[in-house]
Structure formats: C-alpha cells, structure tokens
Amino acid sequence: QVQLVESGGGLVQPGGSLRLSCAASGRIFSINTMTWYRQAPGKERDLVARIIVRDSGDRTDYADSVKGRFTISRDNAKNTMYLQMNSLQPEDTTVYYCDVKNAIMNYWGKGTLVTVSS
C-alpha cells in the first residue's frame, strides 16, 4: 500500500518560511484531491490548502488564514506535493498532515511539526 511521508517541518522565527513536502512511496492513480491539514492537540483538524484535480486543470483552495502566504503545489513525476509557507506566524504552529484521496482510498501521512517562535 502506498505510504505518504511528510517532511520539512521545524523551528522557524516569525516572518520566516518553510517548505513542507509530502512524498508518496508509489504512484496514486485517479487522484481527486490533495490536501494539507493542520491539527493542534485537542483541536479539530483544519484544512490549510487543497488541490482539486480536474481534467480541465487543477483548482486550488486555501483557508482564509493562509491566503497570500501559503502555496500548495505538486510534482507528479516525483509523486510529491508541497506546501510553501511564507510569513509564518506563531499561530501557524502545529502539526501539518497531508492527505490524498481517490475514489477508492484515503491516504494519510503521520505529520510534520511546524513551530514558529522567536
């Protein structure tokens, strides 16, 4: 079964940048959505950014809190999606998870911790 592995988290100062990666161990066919979520302990999971895959061209959606600061993208040749995060703020601190869905399966990673602190 295909595994998703997130990487790129770490400690960054406010105003800094990080790029998260989500690498799949193999190809996932007929993808419907590719999503970054974040979830703090004891809180609900929040959608951060999403790619909706369409034959006519991908569509991207962002949470209002990250619009203009975060950018989601994918590299099909590398079976990897990314989350470029700029102008990070302390409230962005939490664990980030990637999720990929097709008609049959929902694939999850184990998360990568992002800490924004001076």
Protein backbone atom coordinates (compact mmCIF):
# COMPACT_ATOMS: atom_id res chain seq x y z
CA GLN A 1 0.00 0.00 0.00
CA VAL A 2 1.21 3.49 -0.82
CA GLN A 3 2.53 5.47 2.14
CA LEU A 4 2.66 9.25 2.50
CA VAL A 5 5.56 10.83 4.35
CA GLU A 6 5.67 14.49 5.30
CA SER A 7 8.92 16.35 5.83
CA GLY A 8 10.23 19.88 6.05
CA GLY A 9 8.83 20.90 9.40
CA GLY A 10 10.94 22.53 12.05
CA LEU A 11 11.53 25.64 14.09
CA VAL A 12 11.37 28.99 12.34
CA GLN A 13 11.20 32.58 13.53
CA PRO A 14 8.09 34.70 12.93
CA GLY A 15 8.16 36.04 9.39
CA GLY A 16 10.21 33.10 8.19
CA SER A 17 9.48 30.43 5.60
CA LEU A 18 9.34 26.68 5.37
CA ARG A 19 8.51 24.28 2.58
CA LEU A 20 6.73 21.10 3.54
CA SER A 21 6.88 18.04 1.31
CA CYS A 22 4.56 15.06 1.14
CA ALA A 23 6.14 12.17 -0.71
CA ALA A 24 4.19 9.11 -1.79
CA SER A 25 6.01 5.77 -1.84
CA GLY A 26 4.37 4.96 -5.13
CA ARG A 27 2.02 6.37 -7.69
CA ILE A 28 -1.58 7.03 -6.68
CA PHE A 29 -3.94 6.80 -9.61
CA SER A 30 -7.01 8.86 -10.37
CA ILE A 31 -6.43 11.39 -7.60
CA ASN A 32 -9.41 13.54 -6.69
CA THR A 33 -7.91 15.81 -4.06
CA MET A 34 -4.55 16.52 -2.45
CA THR A 35 -4.81 18.38 0.83
CA TRP A 36 -2.72 19.83 3.61
CA TYR A 37 -4.38 19.91 7.01
CA ARG A 38 -3.16 21.05 10.37
CA GLN A 39 -4.29 19.97 13.78
CA ALA A 40 -3.29 21.11 17.22
CA PRO A 41 -3.66 18.75 20.20
CA GLY A 42 -7.24 18.66 21.40
CA LYS A 43 -8.49 20.70 18.48
CA GLU A 44 -10.27 19.88 15.26
CA ARG A 45 -8.41 19.33 12.04
CA ASP A 46 -8.32 22.41 9.82
CA LEU A 47 -7.94 22.45 6.08
CA VAL A 48 -4.97 24.57 5.09
CA ALA A 49 -4.77 24.14 1.33
CA ARG A 50 -6.17 21.80 -1.28
CA ILE A 51 -5.62 20.84 -4.89
CA ILE A 52 -8.75 19.60 -6.63
CA VAL A 53 -7.60 17.57 -9.59
CA ARG A 54 -9.63 18.04 -12.75
CA ASP A 55 -9.09 17.14 -16.38
CA SER A 56 -9.65 20.80 -17.23
CA GLY A 57 -6.91 21.87 -14.85
CA ASP A 58 -6.25 21.78 -11.14
CA ARG A 59 -8.04 24.13 -8.80
CA THR A 60 -6.53 25.25 -5.51
CA ASP A 61 -8.30 26.36 -2.36
CA TYR A 62 -6.86 27.94 0.76
CA ALA A 63 -8.01 28.67 4.25
CA ASP A 64 -8.57 32.39 4.71
CA SER A 65 -5.89 32.47 7.39
CA VAL A 66 -3.17 31.40 4.95
CA LYS A 67 -4.25 33.04 1.69
CA GLY A 68 -1.43 35.03 0.20
CA ARG A 69 1.14 33.37 2.46
CA PHE A 70 0.97 29.65 1.62
CA THR A 71 1.14 27.96 -1.77
CA ILE A 72 0.25 24.35 -2.50
CA SER A 73 1.77 22.58 -5.49
CA ARG A 74 2.58 19.12 -6.78
CA ASP A 75 5.21 17.37 -8.84
CA ASN A 76 3.66 14.34 -10.49
CA ALA A 77 7.00 12.99 -11.67
CA LYS A 78 8.20 12.84 -8.06
CA ASN A 79 4.87 11.71 -6.56
CA THR A 80 5.23 14.64 -4.21
CA MET A 81 3.18 17.63 -3.16
CA TYR A 82 4.44 20.71 -1.39
CA LEU A 83 3.30 23.48 0.86
CA GLN A 84 5.37 26.63 0.63
CA MET A 85 4.75 28.64 3.76
CA ASN A 86 5.87 32.26 3.93
CA SER A 87 5.41 34.97 6.53
CA LEU A 88 4.90 32.35 9.20
CA GLN A 89 3.33 33.44 12.45
CA PRO A 90 3.19 31.82 15.89
CA GLU A 91 -0.43 30.85 15.29
CA ASP A 92 0.76 28.61 12.43
CA THR A 93 2.47 26.39 15.00
CA THR A 94 1.07 22.89 14.94
CA VAL A 95 1.37 19.52 13.18
CA TYR A 96 0.74 19.50 9.44
CA TYR A 97 -0.63 16.45 7.66
CA CYS A 98 -1.01 15.60 4.01
CA ASP A 99 -3.94 13.70 2.61
CA VAL A 100 -4.57 12.27 -0.85
CA LYS A 101 -7.89 10.86 -1.96
CA ASN A 102 -9.06 8.93 -4.95
CA ALA A 103 -12.35 7.12 -5.47
CA ILE A 104 -11.14 4.09 -3.53
CA MET A 105 -8.71 5.17 -0.87
CA ASN A 106 -7.82 7.98 1.51
CA TYR A 107 -4.10 8.15 2.17
CA TRP A 108 -2.71 9.94 5.24
CA GLY A 109 0.74 10.86 6.43
CA LYS A 110 1.87 10.92 10.05
CA GLY A 111 2.51 14.63 10.10
CA THR A 112 5.36 17.06 10.48
CA LEU A 113 5.65 19.60 13.27
CA VAL A 114 5.99 23.28 12.47
CA THR A 115 6.98 25.60 15.30
CA VAL A 116 7.04 29.35 14.79
CA SER A 117 8.75 31.07 17.66
CA SER A 118 11.38 33.66 18.40
